[in-house]
């Protein structure tokens, strides 16, 4: 799938540049709604195309940020207005109920900080936006923080793609390692939370 979208974006260099930006926006949106889409890889590649082709770095960043924020808010509203129904129907299998429960614990502990950090939590972005919607956090500050998070992350990885040029695939390798690291970190955190919950239940039974 990654190769397909990379070739698709590469082909955008042969069409009017506005369509290339539109494709970047669409992919950035889709990555937030359907996690298997390798959005970060394609943003890095977009930065590379800005260095060697007709695209410019600033529009790549703007449209990637806009697409990411739109995708976040799309899942936010799905969670806000259809969360329980979606979970029960299993229409979105990439939003597991147990993970939603854990993300809700994060929101209870750190509030808007979870929204601000969402772009850096690889593997949990879609669940975060969905759960934030289910928790009915106010839309305006959520949209502002989601946009800020997307802007910072996108600027970082698109600029790296722009700077390294033909070596852009090295950046994607680092992103892949970062994703695995964050997934492991999140798994450890969830295990720790489960351990604490079990201890708390046992302590209550003893009392």
C-alpha atoms as a PDB file:
ATOM      1  CA  UNK A   1       0.000   0.000   0.000  1.00  0.00           C
ATOM      2  CA  UNK A   2       2.842   2.381   0.845  1.00  0.00           C
ATOM      3  CA  UNK A   3       4.400   1.839  -2.587  1.00  0.00           C
ATOM      4  CA  UNK A   4       1.047   2.417  -4.307  1.00  0.00           C
ATOM      5  CA  UNK A   5       0.495   5.789  -2.670  1.00  0.00           C
ATOM      6  CA  UNK A   6       4.115   6.811  -3.153  1.00  0.00           C
ATOM      7  CA  UNK A   7       3.854   6.088  -6.882  1.00  0.00           C
ATOM      8  CA  UNK A   8       0.540   7.943  -6.957  1.00  0.00           C
ATOM      9  CA  UNK A   9       2.082  11.016  -5.360  1.00  0.00           C
ATOM     10  CA  UNK A  10       5.135  10.776  -7.603  1.00  0.00           C
ATOM     11  CA  UNK A  11       2.801  10.780 -10.598  1.00  0.00           C
ATOM     12  CA  UNK A  12       1.324  14.010  -9.272  1.00  0.00           C
ATOM     13  CA  UNK A  13       4.502  15.733 -10.442  1.00  0.00           C
ATOM     14  CA  UNK A  14       3.256  15.256 -14.020  1.00  0.00           C
ATOM     15  CA  UNK A  15      -0.127  16.916 -13.444  1.00  0.00           C
ATOM     16  CA  UNK A  16      -1.036  20.521 -12.528  1.00  0.00           C
ATOM     17  CA  UNK A  17       0.543  21.260  -9.173  1.00  0.00           C
ATOM     18  CA  UNK A  18      -2.800  22.135  -7.584  1.00  0.00           C
ATOM     19  CA  UNK A  19      -3.881  18.510  -8.020  1.00  0.00           C
ATOM     20  CA  UNK A  20      -0.697  17.379  -6.318  1.00  0.00           C
ATOM     21  CA  UNK A  21      -1.539  19.516  -3.294  1.00  0.00           C
ATOM     22  CA  UNK A  22      -5.122  18.235  -3.360  1.00  0.00           C
ATOM     23  CA  UNK A  23      -3.785  14.665  -3.337  1.00  0.00           C
ATOM     24  CA  UNK A  24      -1.572  15.449  -0.351  1.00  0.00           C
ATOM     25  CA  UNK A  25      -4.565  16.926   1.509  1.00  0.00           C
ATOM     26  CA  UNK A  26      -6.685  13.866   0.713  1.00  0.00           C
ATOM     27  CA  UNK A  27      -4.015  11.380   1.821  1.00  0.00           C
ATOM     28  CA  UNK A  28      -3.398  13.310   5.058  1.00  0.00           C
ATOM     29  CA  UNK A  29      -7.146  13.253   5.740  1.00  0.00           C
ATOM     30  CA  UNK A  30      -7.508   9.562   4.872  1.00  0.00           C
ATOM     31  CA  UNK A  31      -4.613   8.547   7.117  1.00  0.00           C
ATOM     32  CA  UNK A  32      -6.522   9.865  10.138  1.00  0.00           C
ATOM     33  CA  UNK A  33      -9.721   8.077   9.166  1.00  0.00           C
ATOM     34  CA  UNK A  34      -8.197   4.794   7.953  1.00  0.00           C
ATOM     35  CA  UNK A  35      -4.904   4.157   9.827  1.00  0.00           C
ATOM     36  CA  UNK A  36      -3.359   1.625   7.390  1.00  0.00           C
ATOM     37  CA  UNK A  37      -2.729   4.559   5.033  1.00  0.00           C
ATOM     38  CA  UNK A  38       0.997   5.492   5.363  1.00  0.00           C
ATOM     39  CA  UNK A  39       0.358   9.223   5.700  1.00  0.00           C
ATOM     40  CA  UNK A  40       3.645  10.169   7.366  1.00  0.00           C
ATOM     41  CA  UNK A  41       5.686   8.438   4.678  1.00  0.00           C
ATOM     42  CA  UNK A  42       3.851  10.348   1.984  1.00  0.00           C
ATOM     43  CA  UNK A  43       4.296  13.676   3.768  1.00  0.00           C
ATOM     44  CA  UNK A  44       8.051  13.034   3.874  1.00  0.00           C
ATOM     45  CA  UNK A  45       7.909  12.187   0.178  1.00  0.00           C
ATOM     46  CA  UNK A  46       5.944  15.375  -0.438  1.00  0.00           C
ATOM     47  CA  UNK A  47       8.782  17.310   1.190  1.00  0.00           C
ATOM     48  CA  UNK A  48      11.211  15.552  -1.131  1.00  0.00           C
ATOM     49  CA  UNK A  49       9.084  16.472  -4.160  1.00  0.00           C
ATOM     50  CA  UNK A  50       9.136  20.076  -2.987  1.00  0.00           C
ATOM     51  CA  UNK A  51      12.926  19.940  -3.131  1.00  0.00           C
ATOM     52  CA  UNK A  52      13.197  18.432  -6.619  1.00  0.00           C
ATOM     53  CA  UNK A  53       9.942  19.187  -8.397  1.00  0.00           C
ATOM     54  CA  UNK A  54       7.296  21.811  -9.056  1.00  0.00           C
ATOM     55  CA  UNK A  55       5.826  21.672  -5.540  1.00  0.00           C
ATOM     56  CA  UNK A  56       6.769  24.144  -2.811  1.00  0.00           C
ATOM     57  CA  UNK A  57       7.474  23.165   0.782  1.00  0.00           C
ATOM     58  CA  UNK A  58       5.094  25.633   2.442  1.00  0.00           C
ATOM     59  CA  UNK A  59       1.981  24.478   0.528  1.00  0.00           C
ATOM     60  CA  UNK A  60       2.958  20.851   1.212  1.00  0.00           C
ATOM     61  CA  UNK A  61       3.021  21.672   4.935  1.00  0.00           C
ATOM     62  CA  UNK A  62      -0.214  23.682   4.798  1.00  0.00           C
ATOM     63  CA  UNK A  63      -2.229  21.080   2.899  1.00  0.00           C
ATOM     64  CA  UNK A  64      -0.824  18.193   4.964  1.00  0.00           C
ATOM     65  CA  UNK A  65      -1.720  20.046   8.162  1.00  0.00           C
ATOM     66  CA  UNK A  66      -5.178  20.902   6.884  1.00  0.00           C
ATOM     67  CA  UNK A  67      -5.829  17.313   5.817  1.00  0.00           C
ATOM     68  CA  UNK A  68      -4.606  15.954   9.142  1.00  0.00           C
ATOM     69  CA  UNK A  69      -6.749  18.374  11.147  1.00  0.00           C
ATOM     70  CA  UNK A  70      -9.798  17.626   8.988  1.00  0.00           C
ATOM     71  CA  UNK A  71      -9.272  13.890   9.446  1.00  0.00           C
ATOM     72  CA  UNK A  72      -8.960  14.309  13.210  1.00  0.00           C
ATOM     73  CA  UNK A  73     -12.174  16.315  13.392  1.00  0.00           C
ATOM     74  CA  UNK A  74     -13.962  13.855  11.129  1.00  0.00           C
ATOM     75  CA  UNK A  75     -13.234  11.044  13.592  1.00  0.00           C
ATOM     76  CA  UNK A  76     -14.045  13.422  16.460  1.00  0.00           C
ATOM     77  CA  UNK A  77     -17.570  13.955  15.146  1.00  0.00           C
ATOM     78  CA  UNK A  78     -18.023  10.248  14.409  1.00  0.00           C
ATOM     79  CA  UNK A  79     -17.110   9.556  18.026  1.00  0.00           C
ATOM     80  CA  UNK A  80     -19.221  12.422  19.359  1.00  0.00           C
ATOM     81  CA  UNK A  81     -22.443  11.534  17.557  1.00  0.00           C
ATOM     82  CA  UNK A  82     -22.105   7.827  16.853  1.00  0.00           C
ATOM     83  CA  UNK A  83     -19.426   6.483  19.178  1.00  0.00           C
ATOM     84  CA  UNK A  84     -21.294   3.728  21.061  1.00  0.00           C
ATOM     85  CA  UNK A  85     -23.114   2.590  17.917  1.00  0.00           C
ATOM     86  CA  UNK A  86     -19.855   2.425  15.945  1.00  0.00           C
ATOM     87  CA  UNK A  87     -18.130   0.436  18.693  1.00  0.00           C
ATOM     88  CA  UNK A  88     -20.968  -2.069  18.978  1.00  0.00           C
ATOM     89  CA  UNK A  89     -21.301  -2.503  15.228  1.00  0.00           C
ATOM     90  CA  UNK A  90     -17.537  -3.004  14.790  1.00  0.00           C
ATOM     91  CA  UNK A  91     -17.828  -0.905  11.630  1.00  0.00           C
ATOM     92  CA  UNK A  92     -14.360   0.477  12.388  1.00  0.00           C
ATOM     93  CA  UNK A  93     -12.305  -2.524  13.442  1.00  0.00           C
ATOM     94  CA  UNK A  94      -9.213  -0.334  13.813  1.00  0.00           C
ATOM     95  CA  UNK A  95     -10.914   1.397  16.783  1.00  0.00           C
ATOM     96  CA  UNK A  96     -10.944  -1.406  19.396  1.00  0.00           C
ATOM     97  CA  UNK A  97     -13.179  -0.845  22.404  1.00  0.00           C
ATOM     98  CA  UNK A  98     -10.484  -1.748  24.931  1.00  0.00           C
ATOM     99  CA  UNK A  99      -8.110   0.848  23.464  1.00  0.00           C
ATOM    100  CA  UNK A 100     -10.867   3.464  23.537  1.00  0.00           C
ATOM    101  CA  UNK A 101     -11.278   2.737  27.238  1.00  0.00           C
ATOM    102  CA  UNK A 102      -7.564   3.260  27.870  1.00  0.00           C
ATOM    103  CA  UNK A 103      -7.446   6.463  25.845  1.00  0.00           C
ATOM    104  CA  UNK A 104     -10.385   7.705  27.903  1.00  0.00           C
ATOM    105  CA  UNK A 105      -8.210   7.175  30.977  1.00  0.00           C
ATOM    106  CA  UNK A 106      -5.536   9.357  29.363  1.00  0.00           C
ATOM    107  CA  UNK A 107      -8.101  12.056  28.682  1.00  0.00           C
ATOM    108  CA  UNK A 108      -9.317  11.888  32.275  1.00  0.00           C
ATOM    109  CA  UNK A 109      -5.725  12.335  33.460  1.00  0.00           C
ATOM    110  CA  UNK A 110      -4.312  14.839  30.967  1.00  0.00           C
ATOM    111  CA  UNK A 111      -7.291  16.391  29.212  1.00  0.00           C
ATOM    112  CA  UNK A 112      -6.397  18.558  26.238  1.00  0.00           C
ATOM    113  CA  UNK A 113      -2.768  17.448  26.508  1.00  0.00           C
ATOM    114  CA  UNK A 114      -3.761  14.200  24.784  1.00  0.00           C
ATOM    115  CA  UNK A 115      -5.128  16.184  21.828  1.00  0.00           C
ATOM    116  CA  UNK A 116      -1.998  18.338  21.667  1.00  0.00           C
ATOM    117  CA  UNK A 117       0.258  15.263  21.658  1.00  0.00           C
ATOM    118  CA  UNK A 118      -1.840  13.089  19.352  1.00  0.00           C
ATOM    119  CA  UNK A 119       0.296  13.461  16.207  1.00  0.00           C
ATOM    120  CA  UNK A 120       3.335  12.221  18.109  1.00  0.00           C
ATOM    121  CA  UNK A 121       1.525   9.119  19.390  1.00  0.00           C
ATOM    122  CA  UNK A 122       1.940   6.908  16.368  1.00  0.00           C
ATOM    123  CA  UNK A 123      -0.572   4.086  16.272  1.00  0.00           C
ATOM    124  CA  UNK A 124      -3.112   5.810  18.522  1.00  0.00           C
ATOM    125  CA  UNK A 125      -4.117   8.904  16.539  1.00  0.00           C
ATOM    126  CA  UNK A 126      -7.417   7.623  15.179  1.00  0.00           C
ATOM    127  CA  UNK A 127      -8.478   6.154  18.504  1.00  0.00           C
ATOM    128  CA  UNK A 128      -7.592   9.422  20.246  1.00  0.00           C
ATOM    129  CA  UNK A 129      -9.714  11.562  17.923  1.00  0.00           C
ATOM    130  CA  UNK A 130     -12.624   9.111  18.158  1.00  0.00           C
ATOM    131  CA  UNK A 131     -12.426   8.936  21.960  1.00  0.00           C
ATOM    132  CA  UNK A 132     -12.088  12.700  22.333  1.00  0.00           C
ATOM    133  CA  UNK A 133     -15.344  12.976  20.403  1.00  0.00           C
ATOM    134  CA  UNK A 134     -17.019  10.347  22.586  1.00  0.00           C
ATOM    135  CA  UNK A 135     -15.959  12.273  25.684  1.00  0.00           C
ATOM    136  CA  UNK A 136     -17.692  15.338  24.181  1.00  0.00           C
ATOM    137  CA  UNK A 137     -14.783  17.704  24.685  1.00  0.00           C
ATOM    138  CA  UNK A 138     -15.616  21.146  23.175  1.00  0.00           C
ATOM    139  CA  UNK A 139     -14.984  21.168  19.423  1.00  0.00           C
ATOM    140  CA  UNK A 140     -13.268  24.562  19.085  1.00  0.00           C
ATOM    141  CA  UNK A 141     -10.299  24.002  21.440  1.00  0.00           C
ATOM    142  CA  UNK A 142     -10.009  20.428  20.185  1.00  0.00           C
ATOM    143  CA  UNK A 143      -9.795  21.639  16.572  1.00  0.00           C
ATOM    144  CA  UNK A 144      -7.221  24.287  17.512  1.00  0.00           C
ATOM    145  CA  UNK A 145      -4.974  21.849  19.388  1.00  0.00           C
ATOM    146  CA  UNK A 146      -5.349  19.122  16.761  1.00  0.00           C
ATOM    147  CA  UNK A 147      -4.321  21.634  14.088  1.00  0.00           C
ATOM    148  CA  UNK A 148      -1.341  22.777  16.159  1.00  0.00           C
ATOM    149  CA  UNK A 149      -0.228  19.192  16.766  1.00  0.00           C
ATOM    150  CA  UNK A 150      -0.545  18.391  13.064  1.00  0.00           C
ATOM    151  CA  UNK A 151       1.304  21.570  12.054  1.00  0.00           C
ATOM    152  CA  UNK A 152       4.292  20.865  14.304  1.00  0.00           C
ATOM    153  CA  UNK A 153       4.575  17.210  13.272  1.00  0.00           C
ATOM    154  CA  UNK A 154       4.039  17.842   9.561  1.00  0.00           C
ATOM    155  CA  UNK A 155       6.524  20.721   9.513  1.00  0.00           C
ATOM    156  CA  UNK A 156       9.126  18.477  11.116  1.00  0.00           C
ATOM    157  CA  UNK A 157       8.817  15.482   8.804  1.00  0.00           C
ATOM    158  CA  UNK A 158       8.128  17.414   5.574  1.00  0.00           C
ATOM    159  CA  UNK A 159      11.173  19.603   6.219  1.00  0.00           C
ATOM    160  CA  UNK A 160      13.279  16.498   6.831  1.00  0.00           C
ATOM    161  CA  UNK A 161      12.102  15.096   3.494  1.00  0.00           C
ATOM    162  CA  UNK A 162      12.966  18.398   1.849  1.00  0.00           C
ATOM    163  CA  UNK A 163      16.442  18.531   3.402  1.00  0.00           C
ATOM    164  CA  UNK A 164      17.584  14.963   2.793  1.00  0.00           C
ATOM    165  CA  UNK A 165      16.496  14.875  -0.862  1.00  0.00           C
ATOM    166  CA  UNK A 166      17.122  11.512  -2.496  1.00  0.00           C
ATOM    167  CA  UNK A 167      17.737   9.983   0.924  1.00  0.00           C
ATOM    168  CA  UNK A 168      14.112  10.598   1.959  1.00  0.00           C
ATOM    169  CA  UNK A 169      13.504   6.870   2.461  1.00  0.00           C
ATOM    170  CA  UNK A 170      15.936   6.949   5.382  1.00  0.00           C
ATOM    171  CA  UNK A 171      13.559   9.319   7.151  1.00  0.00           C
ATOM    172  CA  UNK A 172      10.703   6.860   6.649  1.00  0.00           C
ATOM    173  CA  UNK A 173      12.838   4.105   8.174  1.00  0.00           C
ATOM    174  CA  UNK A 174      13.353   6.250  11.269  1.00  0.00           C
ATOM    175  CA  UNK A 175       9.627   7.002  11.374  1.00  0.00           C
ATOM    176  CA  UNK A 176       8.904   3.281  11.226  1.00  0.00           C
ATOM    177  CA  UNK A 177      11.243   2.662  14.151  1.00  0.00           C
ATOM    178  CA  UNK A 178       9.667   5.562  16.027  1.00  0.00           C
ATOM    179  CA  UNK A 179       6.231   4.069  15.383  1.00  0.00           C
ATOM    180  CA  UNK A 180       7.295   0.688  16.745  1.00  0.00           C
ATOM    181  CA  UNK A 181       8.869   2.359  19.772  1.00  0.00           C
ATOM    182  CA  UNK A 182       5.717   4.372  20.496  1.00  0.00           C
ATOM    183  CA  UNK A 183       3.530   1.287  20.047  1.00  0.00           C
ATOM    184  CA  UNK A 184       5.686  -0.613  22.535  1.00  0.00           C
ATOM    185  CA  UNK A 185       5.619   2.340  24.927  1.00  0.00           C
ATOM    186  CA  UNK A 186       1.843   2.583  24.707  1.00  0.00           C
ATOM    187  CA  UNK A 187       1.534  -1.184  25.249  1.00  0.00           C
ATOM    188  CA  UNK A 188       3.723  -0.947  28.360  1.00  0.00           C
ATOM    189  CA  UNK A 189       1.689   1.966  29.642  1.00  0.00           C
ATOM    190  CA  UNK A 190      -1.563   0.061  29.124  1.00  0.00           C
ATOM    191  CA  UNK A 191      -0.109  -2.985  30.877  1.00  0.00           C
ATOM    192  CA  UNK A 192       0.938  -0.787  33.809  1.00  0.00           C
ATOM    193  CA  UNK A 193      -2.536   0.738  34.020  1.00  0.00           C
ATOM    194  CA  UNK A 194      -4.069  -2.744  33.976  1.00  0.00           C
ATOM    195  CA  UNK A 195      -1.696  -3.876  36.724  1.00  0.00           C
ATOM    196  CA  UNK A 196      -2.644  -0.890  38.890  1.00  0.00           C
ATOM    197  CA  UNK A 197      -6.345  -1.520  38.291  1.00  0.00           C
ATOM    198  CA  UNK A 198      -5.995  -5.166  39.338  1.00  0.00           C
ATOM    199  CA  UNK A 199      -4.102  -4.167  42.481  1.00  0.00           C
ATOM    200  CA  UNK A 200      -6.771  -1.588  43.308  1.00  0.00           C
ATOM    201  CA  UNK A 201      -9.553  -4.160  42.907  1.00  0.00           C
ATOM    202  CA  UNK A 202      -7.719  -6.675  45.091  1.00  0.00           C
ATOM    203  CA  UNK A 203      -7.130  -4.033  47.758  1.00  0.00           C
ATOM    204  CA  UNK A 204     -10.832  -3.154  47.768  1.00  0.00           C
ATOM    205  CA  UNK A 205     -11.770  -6.823  48.167  1.00  0.00           C
ATOM    206  CA  UNK A 206      -9.451  -7.160  51.181  1.00  0.00           C
ATOM    207  CA  UNK A 207     -11.081  -4.147  52.808  1.00  0.00           C
END
